PDB file of N, CA and C in Angstrom:
ATOM      1  N   MET A   1       2.862 -20.836  -2.136  1.00  0.00           N
ATOM      2  CA  MET A   1       4.028 -20.052  -2.468  1.00  0.00           C
ATOM      3  C   MET A   1       5.223 -20.593  -1.684  1.00  0.00           C
ATOM      4  N   ALA A   2       6.279 -20.850  -2.380  1.00  0.00           N
ATOM      5  CA  ALA A   2       7.476 -21.425  -1.763  1.00  0.00           C
ATOM      6  C   ALA A   2       8.247 -20.355  -0.996  1.00  0.00           C
ATOM      7  N   PHE A   3       9.049 -20.820  -0.055  1.00  0.00           N
ATOM      8  CA  PHE A   3       9.891 -19.924   0.734  1.00  0.00           C
ATOM      9  C   PHE A   3      10.991 -19.360  -0.160  1.00  0.00           C
ATOM     10  N   ASP A   4      11.070 -18.056  -0.242  1.00  0.00           N
ATOM     11  CA  ASP A   4      12.052 -17.400  -1.090  1.00  0.00           C
ATOM     12  C   ASP A   4      12.922 -16.504  -0.218  1.00  0.00           C
ATOM     13  N   ARG A   5      14.175 -16.896  -0.031  1.00  0.00           N
ATOM     14  CA  ARG A   5      15.077 -16.153   0.854  1.00  0.00           C
ATOM     15  C   ARG A   5      15.361 -14.754   0.329  1.00  0.00           C
ATOM     16  N   ARG A   6      15.497 -14.618  -0.976  1.00  0.00           N
ATOM     17  CA  ARG A   6      15.811 -13.317  -1.554  1.00  0.00           C
ATOM     18  C   ARG A   6      14.667 -12.340  -1.312  1.00  0.00           C
ATOM     19  N   ARG A   7      13.460 -12.798  -1.510  1.00  0.00           N
ATOM     20  CA  ARG A   7      12.308 -11.924  -1.300  1.00  0.00           C
ATOM     21  C   ARG A   7      12.164 -11.565   0.172  1.00  0.00           C
ATOM     22  N   LEU A   8      12.407 -12.517   1.056  1.00  0.00           N
ATOM     23  CA  LEU A   8      12.360 -12.246   2.490  1.00  0.00           C
ATOM     24  C   LEU A   8      13.416 -11.208   2.872  1.00  0.00           C
ATOM     25  N   GLY A   9      14.599 -11.339   2.306  1.00  0.00           N
ATOM     26  CA  GLY A   9      15.653 -10.367   2.556  1.00  0.00           C
ATOM     27  C   GLY A   9      15.267  -8.970   2.075  1.00  0.00           C
ATOM     28  N   GLN A  10      14.617  -8.893   0.929  1.00  0.00           N
ATOM     29  CA  GLN A  10      14.178  -7.596   0.401  1.00  0.00           C
ATOM     30  C   GLN A  10      13.104  -6.969   1.286  1.00  0.00           C
ATOM     31  N   VAL A  11      12.202  -7.776   1.802  1.00  0.00           N
ATOM     32  CA  VAL A  11      11.158  -7.264   2.694  1.00  0.00           C
ATOM     33  C   VAL A  11      11.768  -6.753   3.995  1.00  0.00           C
ATOM     34  N   ILE A  12      12.704  -7.520   4.550  1.00  0.00           N
ATOM     35  CA  ILE A  12      13.347  -7.089   5.790  1.00  0.00           C
ATOM     36  C   ILE A  12      14.136  -5.806   5.557  1.00  0.00           C
ATOM     37  N   TRP A  13      14.858  -5.717   4.430  1.00  0.00           N
ATOM     38  CA  TRP A  13      15.620  -4.512   4.123  1.00  0.00           C
ATOM     39  C   TRP A  13      14.689  -3.310   3.953  1.00  0.00           C
ATOM     40  N   GLY A  14      13.567  -3.488   3.287  1.00  0.00           N
ATOM     41  CA  GLY A  14      12.603  -2.401   3.129  1.00  0.00           C
ATOM     42  C   GLY A  14      12.045  -1.930   4.461  1.00  0.00           C
ATOM     43  N   LEU A  15      11.740  -2.871   5.335  1.00  0.00           N
ATOM     44  CA  LEU A  15      11.231  -2.508   6.659  1.00  0.00           C
ATOM     45  C   LEU A  15      12.289  -1.769   7.480  1.00  0.00           C
ATOM     46  N   LEU A  16      13.548  -2.178   7.358  1.00  0.00           N
ATOM     47  CA  LEU A  16      14.617  -1.491   8.070  1.00  0.00           C
ATOM     48  C   LEU A  16      14.824  -0.074   7.539  1.00  0.00           C
ATOM     49  N   LEU A  17      14.707   0.118   6.231  1.00  0.00           N
ATOM     50  CA  LEU A  17      14.814   1.463   5.669  1.00  0.00           C
ATOM     51  C   LEU A  17      13.709   2.370   6.203  1.00  0.00           C
ATOM     52  N   ILE A  18      12.494   1.858   6.229  1.00  0.00           N
ATOM     53  CA  ILE A  18      11.376   2.646   6.745  1.00  0.00           C
ATOM     54  C   ILE A  18      11.571   2.945   8.226  1.00  0.00           C
ATOM     55  N   ALA A  19      12.018   1.962   8.981  1.00  0.00           N
ATOM     56  CA  ALA A  19      12.241   2.177  10.415  1.00  0.00           C
ATOM     57  C   ALA A  19      13.314   3.232  10.660  1.00  0.00           C
ATOM     58  N   MET A  20      14.397   3.202   9.897  1.00  0.00           N
ATOM     59  CA  MET A  20      15.454   4.200  10.079  1.00  0.00           C
ATOM     60  C   MET A  20      14.966   5.593   9.702  1.00  0.00           C
ATOM     61  N   GLY A  21      14.134   5.704   8.678  1.00  0.00           N
ATOM     62  CA  GLY A  21      13.569   6.998   8.323  1.00  0.00           C
ATOM     63  C   GLY A  21      12.665   7.541   9.414  1.00  0.00           C
ATOM     64  N   VAL A  22      11.863   6.679  10.007  1.00  0.00           N
ATOM     65  CA  VAL A  22      10.977   7.105  11.092  1.00  0.00           C
ATOM     66  C   VAL A  22      11.794   7.506  12.322  1.00  0.00           C
ATOM     67  N   VAL A  23      12.824   6.732  12.637  1.00  0.00           N
ATOM     68  CA  VAL A  23      13.676   7.063  13.784  1.00  0.00           C
ATOM     69  C   VAL A  23      14.370   8.404  13.565  1.00  0.00           C
ATOM     70  N   LEU A  24      14.803   8.657  12.344  1.00  0.00           N
ATOM     71  CA  LEU A  24      15.446   9.937  12.039  1.00  0.00           C
ATOM     72  C   LEU A  24      14.464  11.090  12.209  1.00  0.00           C
ATOM     73  N   CYS A  25      13.211  10.901  11.819  1.00  0.00           N
ATOM     74  CA  CYS A  25      12.198  11.951  12.016  1.00  0.00           C
ATOM     75  C   CYS A  25      11.887  12.163  13.494  1.00  0.00           C
ATOM     76  N   VAL A  26      11.866  11.092  14.254  1.00  0.00           N
ATOM     77  CA  VAL A  26      11.537  11.187  15.674  1.00  0.00           C
ATOM     78  C   VAL A  26      12.664  11.868  16.454  1.00  0.00           C
ATOM     79  N   THR A  27      13.912  11.587  16.085  1.00  0.00           N
ATOM     80  CA  THR A  27      15.036  12.168  16.811  1.00  0.00           C
ATOM     81  C   THR A  27      15.394  13.564  16.327  1.00  0.00           C
ATOM     82  N   GLU A  28      14.774  14.044  15.281  1.00  0.00           N
ATOM     83  CA  GLU A  28      15.095  15.366  14.744  1.00  0.00           C
ATOM     84  C   GLU A  28      14.873  16.498  15.748  1.00  0.00           C
ATOM     85  N   PRO A  29      13.787  16.541  16.495  1.00  0.00           N
ATOM     86  CA  PRO A  29      13.643  17.642  17.470  1.00  0.00           C
ATOM     87  C   PRO A  29      14.766  17.679  18.504  1.00  0.00           C
ATOM     88  N   TYR A  30      15.294  16.532  18.877  1.00  0.00           N
ATOM     89  CA  TYR A  30      16.411  16.507  19.825  1.00  0.00           C
ATOM     90  C   TYR A  30      17.687  17.023  19.163  1.00  0.00           C
ATOM     91  N   ALA A  31      17.854  16.723  17.874  1.00  0.00           N
ATOM     92  CA  ALA A  31      19.027  17.215  17.155  1.00  0.00           C
ATOM     93  C   ALA A  31      18.932  18.723  16.927  1.00  0.00           C
ATOM     94  N   LEU A  32      17.717  19.247  16.834  1.00  0.00           N
ATOM     95  CA  LEU A  32      17.545  20.700  16.662  1.00  0.00           C
ATOM     96  C   LEU A  32      18.051  21.463  17.870  1.00  0.00           C
ATOM     97  N   ARG A  33      17.925  20.882  19.030  1.00  0.00           N
ATOM     98  CA  ARG A  33      18.418  21.549  20.235  1.00  0.00           C
ATOM     99  C   ARG A  33      19.936  21.668  20.224  1.00  0.00           C
ATOM    100  N   MET A  34      20.597  20.706  19.591  1.00  0.00           N
ATOM    101  CA  MET A  34      22.055  20.717  19.550  1.00  0.00           C
ATOM    102  C   MET A  34      22.600  21.734  18.552  1.00  0.00           C
ATOM    103  N   SER A  35      21.893  21.965  17.456  1.00  0.00           N
ATOM    104  CA  SER A  35      22.356  22.899  16.428  1.00  0.00           C
ATOM    105  C   SER A  35      21.187  23.759  15.948  1.00  0.00           C
ATOM    106  N   PRO A  36      20.779  24.748  16.717  1.00  0.00           N
ATOM    107  CA  PRO A  36      19.604  25.532  16.344  1.00  0.00           C
ATOM    108  C   PRO A  36      19.834  26.503  15.185  1.00  0.00           C
ATOM    109  N   ASP A  37      21.084  26.834  14.889  1.00  0.00           N
ATOM    110  CA  ASP A  37      21.353  27.854  13.870  1.00  0.00           C
ATOM    111  C   ASP A  37      21.826  27.285  12.541  1.00  0.00           C
ATOM    112  N   SER A  38      21.472  26.068  12.214  1.00  0.00           N
ATOM    113  CA  SER A  38      21.891  25.504  10.929  1.00  0.00           C
ATOM    114  C   SER A  38      20.677  24.955  10.187  1.00  0.00           C
ATOM    115  N   PRO A  39      19.990  25.805   9.426  1.00  0.00           N
ATOM    116  CA  PRO A  39      18.790  25.349   8.712  1.00  0.00           C
ATOM    117  C   PRO A  39      19.107  24.315   7.629  1.00  0.00           C
ATOM    118  N   PHE A  40      20.307  24.386   7.042  1.00  0.00           N
ATOM    119  CA  PHE A  40      20.631  23.406   6.009  1.00  0.00           C
ATOM    120  C   PHE A  40      20.716  21.999   6.595  1.00  0.00           C
ATOM    121  N   LEU A  41      21.330  21.862   7.767  1.00  0.00           N
ATOM    122  CA  LEU A  41      21.424  20.536   8.387  1.00  0.00           C
ATOM    123  C   LEU A  41      20.053  20.009   8.779  1.00  0.00           C
ATOM    124  N   ASN A  42      19.179  20.873   9.227  1.00  0.00           N
ATOM    125  CA  ASN A  42      17.814  20.449   9.562  1.00  0.00           C
ATOM    126  C   ASN A  42      17.085  19.956   8.321  1.00  0.00           C
ATOM    127  N   PHE A  43      17.217  20.712   7.229  1.00  0.00           N
ATOM    128  CA  PHE A  43      16.606  20.300   5.966  1.00  0.00           C
ATOM    129  C   PHE A  43      17.183  18.968   5.504  1.00  0.00           C
ATOM    130  N   ALA A  44      18.508  18.834   5.604  1.00  0.00           N
ATOM    131  CA  ALA A  44      19.164  17.617   5.131  1.00  0.00           C
ATOM    132  C   ALA A  44      18.705  16.396   5.921  1.00  0.00           C
ATOM    133  N   ARG A  45      18.536  16.552   7.224  1.00  0.00           N
ATOM    134  CA  ARG A  45      18.085  15.412   8.044  1.00  0.00           C
ATOM    135  C   ARG A  45      16.682  14.969   7.640  1.00  0.00           C
ATOM    136  N   TYR A  46      15.770  15.915   7.463  1.00  0.00           N
ATOM    137  CA  TYR A  46      14.416  15.544   7.048  1.00  0.00           C
ATOM    138  C   TYR A  46      14.417  14.975   5.628  1.00  0.00           C
ATOM    139  N   PHE A  47      15.237  15.529   4.754  1.00  0.00           N
ATOM    140  CA  PHE A  47      15.315  15.048   3.381  1.00  0.00           C
ATOM    141  C   PHE A  47      15.801  13.599   3.346  1.00  0.00           C
ATOM    142  N   ILE A  48      16.833  13.299   4.129  1.00  0.00           N
ATOM    143  CA  ILE A  48      17.339  11.926   4.200  1.00  0.00           C
ATOM    144  C   ILE A  48      16.283  10.994   4.776  1.00  0.00           C
ATOM    145  N   ALA A  49      15.541  11.459   5.780  1.00  0.00           N
ATOM    146  CA  ALA A  49      14.484  10.635   6.368  1.00  0.00           C
ATOM    147  C   ALA A  49      13.404  10.322   5.338  1.00  0.00           C
ATOM    148  N   VAL A  50      13.026  11.315   4.546  1.00  0.00           N
ATOM    149  CA  VAL A  50      12.001  11.093   3.519  1.00  0.00           C
ATOM    150  C   VAL A  50      12.517  10.131   2.457  1.00  0.00           C
ATOM    151  N   LEU A  51      13.791  10.277   2.083  1.00  0.00           N
ATOM    152  CA  LEU A  51      14.361   9.340   1.108  1.00  0.00           C
ATOM    153  C   LEU A  51      14.411   7.913   1.639  1.00  0.00           C
ATOM    154  N   LEU A  52      14.747   7.758   2.907  1.00  0.00           N
ATOM    155  CA  LEU A  52      14.770   6.417   3.502  1.00  0.00           C
ATOM    156  C   LEU A  52      13.382   5.794   3.520  1.00  0.00           C
ATOM    157  N   ILE A  53      12.396   6.556   3.944  1.00  0.00           N
ATOM    158  CA  ILE A  53      11.024   6.030   3.998  1.00  0.00           C
ATOM    159  C   ILE A  53      10.519   5.717   2.594  1.00  0.00           C
ATOM    160  N   GLY A  54      10.780   6.610   1.659  1.00  0.00           N
ATOM    161  CA  GLY A  54      10.346   6.375   0.277  1.00  0.00           C
ATOM    162  C   GLY A  54      11.039   5.183  -0.348  1.00  0.00           C
ATOM    163  N   GLY A  55      12.339   5.048  -0.124  1.00  0.00           N
ATOM    164  CA  GLY A  55      13.071   3.902  -0.665  1.00  0.00           C
ATOM    165  C   GLY A  55      12.592   2.584  -0.077  1.00  0.00           C
ATOM    166  N   GLY A  56      12.310   2.582   1.215  1.00  0.00           N
ATOM    167  CA  GLY A  56      11.783   1.364   1.840  1.00  0.00           C
ATOM    168  C   GLY A  56      10.409   1.009   1.316  1.00  0.00           C
ATOM    169  N   ALA A  57       9.579   2.023   1.111  1.00  0.00           N
ATOM    170  CA  ALA A  57       8.232   1.770   0.581  1.00  0.00           C
ATOM    171  C   ALA A  57       8.305   1.237  -0.851  1.00  0.00           C
ATOM    172  N   ILE A  58       9.189   1.794  -1.645  1.00  0.00           N
ATOM    173  CA  ILE A  58       9.347   1.309  -3.023  1.00  0.00           C
ATOM    174  C   ILE A  58       9.855  -0.128  -3.027  1.00  0.00           C
ATOM    175  N   LYS A  59      10.808  -0.423  -2.158  1.00  0.00           N
ATOM    176  CA  LYS A  59      11.354  -1.780  -2.078  1.00  0.00           C
ATOM    177  C   LYS A  59      10.273  -2.780  -1.665  1.00  0.00           C
ATOM    178  N   LEU A  60       9.456  -2.412  -0.688  1.00  0.00           N
ATOM    179  CA  LEU A  60       8.358  -3.302  -0.281  1.00  0.00           C
ATOM    180  C   LEU A  60       7.342  -3.469  -1.406  1.00  0.00           C
ATOM    181  N   TYR A  61       7.024  -2.381  -2.080  1.00  0.00           N
ATOM    182  CA  TYR A  61       6.063  -2.443  -3.181  1.00  0.00           C
ATOM    183  C   TYR A  61       6.578  -3.352  -4.298  1.00  0.00           C
ATOM    184  N   LYS A  62       7.843  -3.159  -4.670  1.00  0.00           N
ATOM    185  CA  LYS A  62       8.406  -3.974  -5.745  1.00  0.00           C
ATOM    186  C   LYS A  62       8.519  -5.440  -5.348  1.00  0.00           C
ATOM    187  N   SER A  63       8.877  -5.720  -4.099  1.00  0.00           N
ATOM    188  CA  SER A  63       9.008  -7.116  -3.691  1.00  0.00           C
ATOM    189  C   SER A  63       7.649  -7.786  -3.547  1.00  0.00           C
ATOM    190  N   HIS A  64       6.617  -7.008  -3.276  1.00  0.00           N
ATOM    191  CA  HIS A  64       5.287  -7.590  -3.114  1.00  0.00           C
ATOM    192  C   HIS A  64       4.587  -7.770  -4.452  1.00  0.00           C
ATOM    193  N   PHE A  65       4.738  -6.805  -5.349  1.00  0.00           N
ATOM    194  CA  PHE A  65       3.984  -6.836  -6.599  1.00  0.00           C
ATOM    195  C   PHE A  65       4.807  -7.258  -7.809  1.00  0.00           C
ATOM    196  N   SER A  66       6.062  -7.637  -7.620  1.00  0.00           N
ATOM    197  CA  SER A  66       6.866  -8.035  -8.776  1.00  0.00           C
ATOM    198  C   SER A  66       6.496  -9.456  -9.184  1.00  0.00           C
ATOM    199  N   LYS A  67       6.528  -9.687 -10.457  1.00  0.00           N
ATOM    200  CA  LYS A  67       6.258 -11.018 -11.006  1.00  0.00           C
ATOM    201  C   LYS A  67       7.574 -11.765 -11.143  1.00  0.00           C
ATOM    202  N   ASP A  68       7.530 -13.076 -10.972  1.00  0.00           N
ATOM    203  CA  ASP A  68       8.731 -13.877 -11.166  1.00  0.00           C
ATOM    204  C   ASP A  68       9.096 -13.853 -12.633  1.00  0.00           C
ATOM    205  N   LYS A  69      10.371 -13.624 -12.930  1.00  0.00           N
ATOM    206  CA  LYS A  69      10.801 -13.564 -14.323  1.00  0.00           C
ATOM    207  C   LYS A  69      10.992 -14.946 -14.918  1.00  0.00           C
ATOM    208  N   GLU A  70      11.282 -15.908 -14.076  1.00  0.00           N
ATOM    209  CA  GLU A  70      11.448 -17.280 -14.552  1.00  0.00           C
ATOM    210  C   GLU A  70      10.211 -18.096 -14.185  1.00  0.00           C
ATOM    211  N   PRO A  71       9.551 -18.692 -15.169  1.00  0.00           N
ATOM    212  CA  PRO A  71       8.379 -19.508 -14.837  1.00  0.00           C
ATOM    213  C   PRO A  71       8.811 -20.762 -14.088  1.00  0.00           C
ATOM    214  N   HIS A  72       8.006 -21.154 -13.129  1.00  0.00           N
ATOM    215  CA  HIS A  72       8.296 -22.349 -12.346  1.00  0.00           C
ATOM    216  C   HIS A  72       7.931 -23.581 -13.173  1.00  0.00           C
ATOM    217  N   SER A  73       8.830 -24.548 -13.150  1.00  0.00           N
ATOM    218  CA  SER A  73       8.545 -25.789 -13.874  1.00  0.00           C
ATOM    219  C   SER A  73       7.893 -26.780 -12.910  1.00  0.00           C
ATOM    220  N   ASP A  74       6.972 -27.541 -13.408  1.00  0.00           N
ATOM    221  CA  ASP A  74       6.253 -28.499 -12.573  1.00  0.00           C
ATOM    222  C   ASP A  74       6.972 -29.845 -12.511  1.00  0.00           C
ATOM    223  N   GLY A  75       8.023 -30.029 -13.289  1.00  0.00           N
ATOM    224  CA  GLY A  75       8.678 -31.337 -13.354  1.00  0.00           C
ATOM    225  C   GLY A  75       9.908 -31.447 -12.635  1.00  0.00           C
TER     226      GLY A  75
END
């Protein structure tokens, strides 16, 4: 398999999305101490974290299992 910069970029972007979602989940208890009386903001933070993790997972899945649309020529 040849080195593909676009695919490498997609994998790195997917990993960064997942990492940011995990970091947002980890820092959420500390953010709760700052604003204990806002349930909507707490929900929104977890919702964004889930979207980040899901988007990164989808990006990794698509970059790993996608087929090349252009056939490689041997000549």
